[in-house]
Amino acid sequence: MAREERGVAPRVGVTATAFAADEIPPPLSQAAEGAHVTFGRWQRTTVAAMLLGILVLGVLSPDHLFWGLLGVFYSVFVAGAAIRLAAILTPHRKWACPPLVDQDLPHYTLIVPLYREAEVASELVANLARLDYHRDRLQALIVLEADDLATRSAFHALDLPAFIQVLVAPPGEPRTKPRACNIALELAKGTLVVIYDAEDAPDPLQLREAAARFASEPADLACLQAPLRIETPRHLAFIAEQFRLEYAALFQVLLPAYARWGLPFPLGGTSNHFKIEALRAVGGWDAYNVTEDADIG
């Protein structure tokens, strides 16, 4: 599970409103080059030519094919190792920005798309309630699917804080988390927006730190990626520890290095903080992606 923890007591308020499916506006339009477009003609031609070349070379000179493929694989491996070594040796940029006082905090929208996750409903609400942020400037939109009756019932049974709203997405295709995020984006009131998963436990100060960072950086900063830390169950010690180490290497070493080098880098989906006008300007999320990872990294 993705975790960013620092404990404070949860805060509880009045029950929030649950919106019916027919009250949700349609999602943002999808770009013509979205994930619903698969291989183009030139891509199919290129792949076919490469496969044909490998087949011909394998028939005419299998030894050359073997050593050629071996050289390619080793080159990729060595290049990956060199990039990781360079990332380890790259110093992290140290930054500090003054915290914002409550009256200067921007309005923040939290989007949490869920499907068949009734068992974590109460834990999710408690984690969101621990966020240290001015409640009248905070909006949390939990997006559920119309046929997910168990999760809808789980949230209906909870006494939700006033800043949390439960949305029911209208039936439609594709039924993905990015589509749910686009539906919530239409109703978002904040100038900043962040995405969380059902199991996330964000640091209580994460929103304040992100807001302060946006305020102190140049206006063209559109997105911040919070690091994800994995909580490892004891009964899965070895495998879970490898998963935790992989995430630590990605978020604490590789991604900061890519940013220092000015290279494109992938966004992790959850715990991405956006300026909402920038997110809307690029069309929101691609509903045909299987996860909510934004395509603007």
C-alpha atoms as a PDB file:
ATOM      1  CA  MET A   1       0.000   0.000   0.000  1.00  0.00           C
ATOM      2  CA  ALA A   2       1.129   3.544  -0.659  1.00  0.00           C
ATOM      3  CA  ARG A   3       1.717   5.345   2.594  1.00  0.00           C
ATOM      4  CA  GLU A   4       2.869   8.777   3.699  1.00  0.00           C
ATOM      5  CA  GLU A   5       2.281   8.901   7.400  1.00  0.00           C
ATOM      6  CA  ARG A   6       2.373  11.300  10.304  1.00  0.00           C
ATOM      7  CA  GLY A   7      -0.272  10.754  12.930  1.00  0.00           C
ATOM      8  CA  VAL A   8      -2.824  13.251  14.189  1.00  0.00           C
ATOM      9  CA  ALA A   9      -6.325  12.762  15.507  1.00  0.00           C
ATOM     10  CA  PRO A  10      -9.044  12.519  12.856  1.00  0.00           C
ATOM     11  CA  ARG A  11     -11.634  15.252  12.591  1.00  0.00           C
ATOM     12  CA  VAL A  12     -15.285  14.433  12.080  1.00  0.00           C
ATOM     13  CA  GLY A  13     -18.049  16.690  10.788  1.00  0.00           C
ATOM     14  CA  VAL A  14     -21.546  16.434   9.371  1.00  0.00           C
ATOM     15  CA  THR A  15     -22.685  14.006   6.719  1.00  0.00           C
ATOM     16  CA  ALA A  16     -21.827  15.077   3.179  1.00  0.00           C
ATOM     17  CA  THR A  17     -24.068  15.121   0.151  1.00  0.00           C
ATOM     18  CA  ALA A  18     -24.196  12.142  -2.219  1.00  0.00           C
ATOM     19  CA  PHE A  19     -24.820  13.181  -5.824  1.00  0.00           C
ATOM     20  CA  ALA A  20     -26.972  11.065  -8.114  1.00  0.00           C
ATOM     21  CA  ALA A  21     -25.588   9.928 -11.439  1.00  0.00           C
ATOM     22  CA  ASP A  22     -27.810  12.226 -13.512  1.00  0.00           C
ATOM     23  CA  GLU A  23     -26.441  15.282 -11.674  1.00  0.00           C
ATOM     24  CA  ILE A  24     -22.884  14.724 -12.926  1.00  0.00           C
ATOM     25  CA  PRO A  25     -21.867  16.713 -16.003  1.00  0.00           C
ATOM     26  CA  PRO A  26     -20.205  14.835 -18.892  1.00  0.00           C
ATOM     27  CA  PRO A  27     -16.414  14.364 -18.695  1.00  0.00           C
ATOM     28  CA  LEU A  28     -13.934  16.534 -20.536  1.00  0.00           C
ATOM     29  CA  SER A  29     -13.433  15.764 -24.221  1.00  0.00           C
ATOM     30  CA  GLN A  30     -10.693  13.307 -25.065  1.00  0.00           C
ATOM     31  CA  ALA A  31      -7.712  14.227 -27.199  1.00  0.00           C
ATOM     32  CA  ALA A  32      -7.501  12.765 -30.684  1.00  0.00           C
ATOM     33  CA  GLU A  33      -4.199  11.106 -29.765  1.00  0.00           C
ATOM     34  CA  GLY A  34      -5.446   9.401 -26.616  1.00  0.00           C
ATOM     35  CA  ALA A  35      -4.803   5.858 -25.472  1.00  0.00           C
ATOM     36  CA  HIS A  36      -7.836   4.637 -27.449  1.00  0.00           C
ATOM     37  CA  VAL A  37      -5.653   5.070 -30.547  1.00  0.00           C
ATOM     38  CA  THR A  38      -3.360   2.023 -30.772  1.00  0.00           C
ATOM     39  CA  PHE A  39      -0.769   1.340 -33.474  1.00  0.00           C
ATOM     40  CA  GLY A  40      -0.718   3.773 -36.363  1.00  0.00           C
ATOM     41  CA  ARG A  41       0.088   2.736 -39.906  1.00  0.00           C
ATOM     42  CA  TRP A  42       3.751   3.767 -39.712  1.00  0.00           C
ATOM     43  CA  GLN A  43       4.137   1.937 -36.400  1.00  0.00           C
ATOM     44  CA  ARG A  44       2.675  -1.264 -37.808  1.00  0.00           C
ATOM     45  CA  THR A  45       4.909  -0.962 -40.859  1.00  0.00           C
ATOM     46  CA  THR A  46       8.012  -0.397 -38.721  1.00  0.00           C
ATOM     47  CA  VAL A  47       7.294  -3.344 -36.420  1.00  0.00           C
ATOM     48  CA  ALA A  48       6.540  -5.629 -39.369  1.00  0.00           C
ATOM     49  CA  ALA A  49       9.779  -4.601 -41.113  1.00  0.00           C
ATOM     50  CA  MET A  50      11.811  -5.234 -37.949  1.00  0.00           C
ATOM     51  CA  LEU A  51      10.271  -8.675 -37.427  1.00  0.00           C
ATOM     52  CA  LEU A  52      10.834  -9.547 -41.065  1.00  0.00           C
ATOM     53  CA  GLY A  53      14.464  -8.423 -40.843  1.00  0.00           C
ATOM     54  CA  ILE A  54      15.043 -10.530 -37.721  1.00  0.00           C
ATOM     55  CA  LEU A  55      13.447 -13.540 -39.405  1.00  0.00           C
ATOM     56  CA  VAL A  56      15.574 -13.168 -42.546  1.00  0.00           C
ATOM     57  CA  LEU A  57      18.752 -12.663 -40.513  1.00  0.00           C
ATOM     58  CA  GLY A  58      17.897 -15.705 -38.407  1.00  0.00           C
ATOM     59  CA  VAL A  59      17.649 -17.848 -41.543  1.00  0.00           C
ATOM     60  CA  LEU A  60      20.709 -16.469 -43.324  1.00  0.00           C
ATOM     61  CA  SER A  61      23.042 -15.973 -40.362  1.00  0.00           C
ATOM     62  CA  PRO A  62      21.760 -17.191 -36.990  1.00  0.00           C
ATOM     63  CA  ASP A  63      25.128 -16.550 -35.315  1.00  0.00           C
ATOM     64  CA  HIS A  64      25.048 -12.877 -36.264  1.00  0.00           C
ATOM     65  CA  LEU A  65      21.456 -12.635 -35.037  1.00  0.00           C
ATOM     66  CA  PHE A  66      22.364 -14.194 -31.679  1.00  0.00           C
ATOM     67  CA  TRP A  67      25.345 -11.933 -31.038  1.00  0.00           C
ATOM     68  CA  GLY A  68      23.465  -8.896 -32.307  1.00  0.00           C
ATOM     69  CA  LEU A  69      20.523  -9.457 -29.957  1.00  0.00           C
ATOM     70  CA  LEU A  70      22.891 -10.225 -27.086  1.00  0.00           C
ATOM     71  CA  GLY A  71      24.707  -6.953 -27.736  1.00  0.00           C
ATOM     72  CA  VAL A  72      21.435  -5.020 -27.748  1.00  0.00           C
ATOM     73  CA  PHE A  73      20.296  -6.567 -24.466  1.00  0.00           C
ATOM     74  CA  TYR A  74      23.648  -5.932 -22.775  1.00  0.00           C
ATOM     75  CA  SER A  75      23.712  -2.347 -24.059  1.00  0.00           C
ATOM     76  CA  VAL A  76      20.275  -1.675 -22.599  1.00  0.00           C
ATOM     77  CA  PHE A  77      21.297  -3.253 -19.285  1.00  0.00           C
ATOM     78  CA  VAL A  78      24.542  -1.269 -19.048  1.00  0.00           C
ATOM     79  CA  ALA A  79      22.761   1.961 -20.008  1.00  0.00           C
ATOM     80  CA  GLY A  80      20.165   1.394 -17.282  1.00  0.00           C
ATOM     81  CA  ALA A  81      22.852   0.684 -14.692  1.00  0.00           C
ATOM     82  CA  ALA A  82      24.795   3.789 -15.752  1.00  0.00           C
ATOM     83  CA  ILE A  83      21.688   5.965 -15.408  1.00  0.00           C
ATOM     84  CA  ARG A  84      21.041   4.609 -11.912  1.00  0.00           C
ATOM     85  CA  LEU A  85      24.651   5.167 -10.865  1.00  0.00           C
ATOM     86  CA  ALA A  86      24.542   8.724 -12.200  1.00  0.00           C
ATOM     87  CA  ALA A  87      21.264   9.307 -10.329  1.00  0.00           C
ATOM     88  CA  ILE A  88      22.835   8.113  -7.069  1.00  0.00           C
ATOM     89  CA  LEU A  89      25.714  10.555  -7.544  1.00  0.00           C
ATOM     90  CA  THR A  90      23.439  13.487  -8.446  1.00  0.00           C
ATOM     91  CA  PRO A  91      22.935  15.785  -5.440  1.00  0.00           C
ATOM     92  CA  HIS A  92      19.345  16.565  -4.551  1.00  0.00           C
ATOM     93  CA  ARG A  93      18.227  20.145  -4.857  1.00  0.00           C
ATOM     94  CA  LYS A  94      17.594  21.558  -1.418  1.00  0.00           C
ATOM     95  CA  TRP A  95      14.633  23.863  -1.256  1.00  0.00           C
ATOM     96  CA  ALA A  96      12.783  25.643   1.471  1.00  0.00           C
ATOM     97  CA  CYS A  97       9.765  27.880   1.169  1.00  0.00           C
ATOM     98  CA  PRO A  98       7.880  29.736   3.875  1.00  0.00           C
ATOM     99  CA  PRO A  99       4.613  28.105   4.957  1.00  0.00           C
ATOM    100  CA  LEU A 100       1.403  29.854   4.012  1.00  0.00           C
ATOM    101  CA  VAL A 101      -0.804  31.294   6.724  1.00  0.00           C
ATOM    102  CA  ASP A 102      -4.384  30.044   6.738  1.00  0.00           C
ATOM    103  CA  GLN A 103      -5.839  33.096   5.007  1.00  0.00           C
ATOM    104  CA  ASP A 104      -3.405  32.639   2.097  1.00  0.00           C
ATOM    105  CA  LEU A 105      -4.116  28.946   1.548  1.00  0.00           C
ATOM    106  CA  PRO A 106      -5.645  28.215  -1.877  1.00  0.00           C
ATOM    107  CA  HIS A 107      -8.775  26.126  -2.256  1.00  0.00           C
ATOM    108  CA  TYR A 108      -7.813  22.468  -2.657  1.00  0.00           C
ATOM    109  CA  THR A 109      -9.764  19.624  -4.273  1.00  0.00           C
ATOM    110  CA  LEU A 110      -9.004  15.979  -3.487  1.00  0.00           C
ATOM    111  CA  ILE A 111     -10.159  13.389  -6.042  1.00  0.00           C
ATOM    112  CA  VAL A 112     -10.391   9.736  -4.954  1.00  0.00           C
ATOM    113  CA  PRO A 113     -11.716   7.302  -7.594  1.00  0.00           C
ATOM    114  CA  LEU A 114     -12.796   3.959  -6.126  1.00  0.00           C
ATOM    115  CA  TYR A 115     -14.188   0.660  -7.359  1.00  0.00           C
ATOM    116  CA  ARG A 116     -15.047  -2.322  -5.166  1.00  0.00           C
ATOM    117  CA  GLU A 117     -13.118  -1.027  -2.161  1.00  0.00           C
ATOM    118  CA  ALA A 118     -15.789  -1.041   0.513  1.00  0.00           C
ATOM    119  CA  GLU A 119     -13.436  -2.599   3.072  1.00  0.00           C
ATOM    120  CA  VAL A 120     -11.213   0.499   3.204  1.00  0.00           C
ATOM    121  CA  ALA A 121     -13.972   3.132   3.225  1.00  0.00           C
ATOM    122  CA  SER A 122     -13.704   4.025   6.916  1.00  0.00           C
ATOM    123  CA  GLU A 123      -9.889   3.996   6.838  1.00  0.00           C
ATOM    124  CA  LEU A 124      -9.865   6.284   3.805  1.00  0.00           C
ATOM    125  CA  VAL A 125     -12.188   8.789   5.471  1.00  0.00           C
ATOM    126  CA  ALA A 126     -10.016   8.771   8.598  1.00  0.00           C
ATOM    127  CA  ASN A 127      -6.863   9.357   6.533  1.00  0.00           C
ATOM    128  CA  LEU A 128      -8.427  12.280   4.671  1.00  0.00           C
ATOM    129  CA  ALA A 129      -9.726  13.735   7.933  1.00  0.00           C
ATOM    130  CA  ARG A 130      -6.158  13.815   9.305  1.00  0.00           C
ATOM    131  CA  LEU A 131      -5.070  16.318   6.662  1.00  0.00           C
ATOM    132  CA  ASP A 132      -4.039  19.582   8.282  1.00  0.00           C
ATOM    133  CA  TYR A 133      -5.769  22.086   6.029  1.00  0.00           C
ATOM    134  CA  HIS A 134      -8.358  24.819   6.463  1.00  0.00           C
ATOM    135  CA  ARG A 135     -11.682  22.969   6.167  1.00  0.00           C
ATOM    136  CA  ASP A 136     -13.566  25.745   4.369  1.00  0.00           C
ATOM    137  CA  ARG A 137     -10.927  25.627   1.627  1.00  0.00           C
ATOM    138  CA  LEU A 138     -10.923  21.853   1.243  1.00  0.00           C
ATOM    139  CA  GLN A 139     -13.095  19.708  -1.024  1.00  0.00           C
ATOM    140  CA  ALA A 140     -12.801  15.927  -1.308  1.00  0.00           C
ATOM    141  CA  LEU A 141     -14.631  14.159  -4.140  1.00  0.00           C
ATOM    142  CA  ILE A 142     -14.915  10.376  -3.796  1.00  0.00           C
ATOM    143  CA  VAL A 143     -16.070   8.925  -7.121  1.00  0.00           C
ATOM    144  CA  LEU A 144     -17.895   5.578  -7.126  1.00  0.00           C
ATOM    145  CA  GLU A 145     -19.344   3.505  -9.956  1.00  0.00           C
ATOM    146  CA  ALA A 146     -23.116   3.096 -10.217  1.00  0.00           C
ATOM    147  CA  ASP A 147     -22.998  -0.716  -9.983  1.00  0.00           C
ATOM    148  CA  ASP A 148     -20.614  -0.763  -6.997  1.00  0.00           C
ATOM    149  CA  LEU A 149     -23.377  -1.166  -4.440  1.00  0.00           C
ATOM    150  CA  ALA A 150     -21.134  -2.483  -1.658  1.00  0.00           C
ATOM    151  CA  THR A 151     -18.835   0.544  -1.673  1.00  0.00           C
ATOM    152  CA  ARG A 152     -21.771   2.934  -1.988  1.00  0.00           C
ATOM    153  CA  SER A 153     -23.404   1.295   1.037  1.00  0.00           C
ATOM    154  CA  ALA A 154     -20.159   1.476   3.013  1.00  0.00           C
ATOM    155  CA  PHE A 155     -19.885   5.235   2.521  1.00  0.00           C
ATOM    156  CA  HIS A 156     -23.595   5.752   3.124  1.00  0.00           C
ATOM    157  CA  ALA A 157     -23.151   4.161   6.563  1.00  0.00           C
ATOM    158  CA  LEU A 158     -20.345   6.551   7.555  1.00  0.00           C
ATOM    159  CA  ASP A 159     -20.610   9.933   9.252  1.00  0.00           C
ATOM    160  CA  LEU A 160     -18.563  11.866   6.713  1.00  0.00           C
ATOM    161  CA  PRO A 161     -16.769  15.144   7.371  1.00  0.00           C
ATOM    162  CA  ALA A 162     -18.470  18.094   5.702  1.00  0.00           C
ATOM    163  CA  PHE A 163     -15.687  18.574   3.151  1.00  0.00           C
ATOM    164  CA  ILE A 164     -16.142  15.057   1.706  1.00  0.00           C
ATOM    165  CA  GLN A 165     -18.659  14.510  -1.087  1.00  0.00           C
ATOM    166  CA  VAL A 166     -19.508  11.144  -2.619  1.00  0.00           C
ATOM    167  CA  LEU A 167     -20.179  11.153  -6.367  1.00  0.00           C
ATOM    168  CA  VAL A 168     -21.741   8.331  -8.359  1.00  0.00           C
ATOM    169  CA  ALA A 169     -20.373   8.243 -11.888  1.00  0.00           C
ATOM    170  CA  PRO A 170     -22.971   7.792 -14.628  1.00  0.00           C
ATOM    171  CA  PRO A 171     -22.776   4.506 -16.537  1.00  0.00           C
ATOM    172  CA  GLY A 172     -20.537   4.699 -19.559  1.00  0.00           C
ATOM    173  CA  GLU A 173     -17.417   3.458 -21.245  1.00  0.00           C
ATOM    174  CA  PRO A 174     -14.555   3.188 -20.742  1.00  0.00           C
ATOM    175  CA  ARG A 175     -15.055   2.526 -17.045  1.00  0.00           C
ATOM    176  CA  THR A 176     -11.651   3.576 -15.768  1.00  0.00           C
ATOM    177  CA  LYS A 177     -10.227   5.657 -12.953  1.00  0.00           C
ATOM    178  CA  PRO A 178      -9.155   8.423 -15.370  1.00  0.00           C
ATOM    179  CA  ARG A 179     -12.767   8.730 -16.544  1.00  0.00           C
ATOM    180  CA  ALA A 180     -13.891   9.003 -12.925  1.00  0.00           C
ATOM    181  CA  CYS A 181     -11.253  11.681 -12.345  1.00  0.00           C
ATOM    182  CA  ASN A 182     -12.557  13.671 -15.321  1.00  0.00           C
ATOM    183  CA  ILE A 183     -16.079  13.535 -13.906  1.00  0.00           C
ATOM    184  CA  ALA A 184     -14.828  14.874 -10.579  1.00  0.00           C
ATOM    185  CA  LEU A 185     -12.706  17.500 -12.321  1.00  0.00           C
ATOM    186  CA  GLU A 186     -15.874  19.059 -13.753  1.00  0.00           C
ATOM    187  CA  LEU A 187     -17.117  19.639 -10.196  1.00  0.00           C
ATOM    188  CA  ALA A 188     -13.787  20.622  -8.644  1.00  0.00           C
ATOM    189  CA  LYS A 189     -13.823  24.025  -6.943  1.00  0.00           C
ATOM    190  CA  GLY A 190     -10.173  24.233  -5.906  1.00  0.00           C
ATOM    191  CA  THR A 191      -7.374  26.054  -7.664  1.00  0.00           C
ATOM    192  CA  LEU A 192      -5.190  23.049  -6.795  1.00  0.00           C
ATOM    193  CA  VAL A 193      -6.172  19.398  -7.154  1.00  0.00           C
ATOM    194  CA  VAL A 194      -4.593  16.148  -5.940  1.00  0.00           C
ATOM    195  CA  ILE A 195      -5.335  12.479  -6.647  1.00  0.00           C
ATOM    196  CA  TYR A 196      -5.360   9.805  -3.941  1.00  0.00           C
ATOM    197  CA  ASP A 197      -5.943   6.051  -3.983  1.00  0.00           C
ATOM    198  CA  ALA A 198      -8.144   4.154  -1.559  1.00  0.00           C
ATOM    199  CA  GLU A 199      -5.219   2.877   0.551  1.00  0.00           C
ATOM    200  CA  ASP A 200      -3.248   6.136   0.635  1.00  0.00           C
ATOM    201  CA  ALA A 201      -2.413   7.706   3.983  1.00  0.00           C
ATOM    202  CA  PRO A 202      -1.045  11.131   2.984  1.00  0.00           C
ATOM    203  CA  ASP A 203       1.131  13.053   5.379  1.00  0.00           C
ATOM    204  CA  PRO A 204      -1.129  15.513   7.246  1.00  0.00           C
ATOM    205  CA  LEU A 205       1.028  18.440   6.098  1.00  0.00           C
ATOM    206  CA  GLN A 206       1.248  17.372   2.454  1.00  0.00           C
ATOM    207  CA  LEU A 207      -1.362  19.833   1.165  1.00  0.00           C
ATOM    208  CA  ARG A 208       0.207  22.766   3.005  1.00  0.00           C
ATOM    209  CA  GLU A 209       3.666  21.875   1.708  1.00  0.00           C
ATOM    210  CA  ALA A 210       2.405  21.535  -1.859  1.00  0.00           C
ATOM    211  CA  ALA A 211       0.506  24.839  -1.687  1.00  0.00           C
ATOM    212  CA  ALA A 212       3.596  26.612  -0.331  1.00  0.00           C
ATOM    213  CA  ARG A 213       5.748  25.086  -3.048  1.00  0.00           C
ATOM    214  CA  PHE A 214       3.378  26.206  -5.802  1.00  0.00           C
ATOM    215  CA  ALA A 215       3.295  29.708  -4.311  1.00  0.00           C
ATOM    216  CA  SER A 216       7.099  30.001  -4.145  1.00  0.00           C
ATOM    217  CA  GLU A 217       7.933  28.557  -7.585  1.00  0.00           C
ATOM    218  CA  PRO A 218       7.585  30.196 -11.026  1.00  0.00           C
ATOM    219  CA  ALA A 219       4.082  30.375 -12.464  1.00  0.00           C
ATOM    220  CA  ASP A 220       4.820  27.719 -15.090  1.00  0.00           C
ATOM    221  CA  LEU A 221       5.071  24.980 -12.435  1.00  0.00           C
ATOM    222  CA  ALA A 222       1.955  22.894 -13.111  1.00  0.00           C
ATOM    223  CA  CYS A 223       2.456  19.630 -11.212  1.00  0.00           C
ATOM    224  CA  LEU A 224       4.141  18.289  -8.088  1.00  0.00           C
ATOM    225  CA  GLN A 225       4.680  14.574  -7.453  1.00  0.00           C
ATOM    226  CA  ALA A 226       4.716  13.531  -3.801  1.00  0.00           C
ATOM    227  CA  PRO A 227       6.976  10.552  -3.013  1.00  0.00           C
ATOM    228  CA  LEU A 228       5.229   7.279  -2.242  1.00  0.00           C
ATOM    229  CA  ARG A 229       6.396   5.057   0.590  1.00  0.00           C
ATOM    230  CA  ILE A 230       5.274   1.468   0.883  1.00  0.00           C
ATOM    231  CA  GLU A 231       4.087  -0.072   4.140  1.00  0.00           C
ATOM    232  CA  THR A 232       5.229  -3.705   4.095  1.00  0.00           C
ATOM    233  CA  PRO A 233       3.087  -6.425   5.755  1.00  0.00           C
ATOM    234  CA  ARG A 234       5.146  -8.724   7.971  1.00  0.00           C
ATOM    235  CA  HIS A 235       3.814 -11.957   6.420  1.00  0.00           C
ATOM    236  CA  LEU A 236       5.104 -10.870   3.004  1.00  0.00           C
ATOM    237  CA  ALA A 237       8.452  -9.677   4.282  1.00  0.00           C
ATOM    238  CA  PHE A 238      10.777 -10.521   1.393  1.00  0.00           C
ATOM    239  CA  ILE A 239       8.577  -9.722  -1.619  1.00  0.00           C
ATOM    240  CA  ALA A 240       7.078  -6.639   0.012  1.00  0.00           C
ATOM    241  CA  GLU A 241      10.530  -5.397   0.995  1.00  0.00           C
ATOM    242  CA  GLN A 242      11.679  -5.622  -2.631  1.00  0.00           C
ATOM    243  CA  PHE A 243       8.603  -3.632  -3.632  1.00  0.00           C
ATOM    244  CA  ARG A 244       9.360  -1.026  -0.957  1.00  0.00           C
ATOM    245  CA  LEU A 245      12.985  -0.725  -2.072  1.00  0.00           C
ATOM    246  CA  GLU A 246      11.938  -0.343  -5.713  1.00  0.00           C
ATOM    247  CA  TYR A 247       9.577   2.501  -4.818  1.00  0.00           C
ATOM    248  CA  ALA A 248      12.231   4.139  -2.641  1.00  0.00           C
ATOM    249  CA  ALA A 249      14.751   4.021  -5.491  1.00  0.00           C
ATOM    250  CA  LEU A 250      12.225   5.474  -7.933  1.00  0.00           C
ATOM    251  CA  PHE A 251      10.864   8.331  -5.812  1.00  0.00           C
ATOM    252  CA  GLN A 252      13.939   9.221  -3.766  1.00  0.00           C
ATOM    253  CA  VAL A 253      16.717   8.720  -6.336  1.00  0.00           C
ATOM    254  CA  LEU A 254      15.628   8.362  -9.964  1.00  0.00           C
ATOM    255  CA  LEU A 255      12.797  10.892 -10.270  1.00  0.00           C
ATOM    256  CA  PRO A 256      14.675  13.702  -8.461  1.00  0.00           C
ATOM    257  CA  ALA A 257      17.652  13.048 -10.741  1.00  0.00           C
ATOM    258  CA  TYR A 258      15.500  13.155 -13.885  1.00  0.00           C
ATOM    259  CA  ALA A 259      14.082  16.468 -12.695  1.00  0.00           C
ATOM    260  CA  ARG A 260      17.576  17.879 -12.072  1.00  0.00           C
ATOM    261  CA  TRP A 261      18.663  16.752 -15.543  1.00  0.00           C
ATOM    262  CA  GLY A 262      15.637  18.362 -17.186  1.00  0.00           C
ATOM    263  CA  LEU A 263      14.388  15.039 -18.557  1.00  0.00           C
ATOM    264  CA  PRO A 264      10.779  13.854 -18.859  1.00  0.00           C
ATOM    265  CA  PHE A 265       9.793  11.578 -16.012  1.00  0.00           C
ATOM    266  CA  PRO A 266       6.709   9.475 -15.273  1.00  0.00           C
ATOM    267  CA  LEU A 267       4.077  10.603 -12.820  1.00  0.00           C
ATOM    268  CA  GLY A 268       2.947   8.114 -10.222  1.00  0.00           C
ATOM    269  CA  GLY A 269      -0.801   8.631 -10.596  1.00  0.00           C
ATOM    270  CA  THR A 270      -1.633   8.939  -6.909  1.00  0.00           C
ATOM    271  CA  SER A 271      -0.383  11.952  -4.907  1.00  0.00           C
ATOM    272  CA  ASN A 272       0.005  14.119  -8.009  1.00  0.00           C
ATOM    273  CA  HIS A 273      -0.745  17.770  -7.232  1.00  0.00           C
ATOM    274  CA  PHE A 274      -1.874  19.973 -10.138  1.00  0.00           C
ATOM    275  CA  LYS A 275      -2.820  23.536 -10.837  1.00  0.00           C
ATOM    276  CA  ILE A 276      -6.349  22.958 -11.986  1.00  0.00           C
ATOM    277  CA  GLU A 277      -6.236  25.431 -14.869  1.00  0.00           C
ATOM    278  CA  ALA A 278      -3.197  23.645 -16.315  1.00  0.00           C
ATOM    279  CA  LEU A 279      -4.871  20.246 -15.959  1.00  0.00           C
ATOM    280  CA  ARG A 280      -8.031  21.469 -17.670  1.00  0.00           C
ATOM    281  CA  ALA A 281      -5.996  23.163 -20.402  1.00  0.00           C
ATOM    282  CA  VAL A 282      -4.528  19.811 -21.495  1.00  0.00           C
ATOM    283  CA  GLY A 283      -7.915  18.076 -21.439  1.00  0.00           C
ATOM    284  CA  GLY A 284      -7.735  16.382 -18.052  1.00  0.00           C
ATOM    285  CA  TRP A 285      -7.002  12.667 -17.967  1.00  0.00           C
ATOM    286  CA  ASP A 286      -7.076  10.231 -20.850  1.00  0.00           C
ATOM    287  CA  ALA A 287     -10.097   8.090 -20.015  1.00  0.00           C
ATOM    288  CA  TYR A 288      -8.718   5.203 -22.074  1.00  0.00           C
ATOM    289  CA  ASN A 289      -5.699   4.734 -19.834  1.00  0.00           C
ATOM    290  CA  VAL A 290      -6.071   1.894 -17.356  1.00  0.00           C
ATOM    291  CA  THR A 291      -4.773   4.001 -14.447  1.00  0.00           C
ATOM    292  CA  GLU A 292      -5.017   7.638 -13.465  1.00  0.00           C
ATOM    293  CA  ASP A 293      -1.371   8.390 -14.292  1.00  0.00           C
ATOM    294  CA  ALA A 294      -1.440  11.768 -16.046  1.00  0.00           C
ATOM    295  CA  ASP A 295       0.124  11.919 -19.509  1.00  0.00           C
ATOM    296  CA  ILE A 296       1.977  15.189 -18.980  1.00  0.00           C
ATOM    297  CA  GLY A 297       5.158  13.986 -17.267  1.00  0.00           C
END
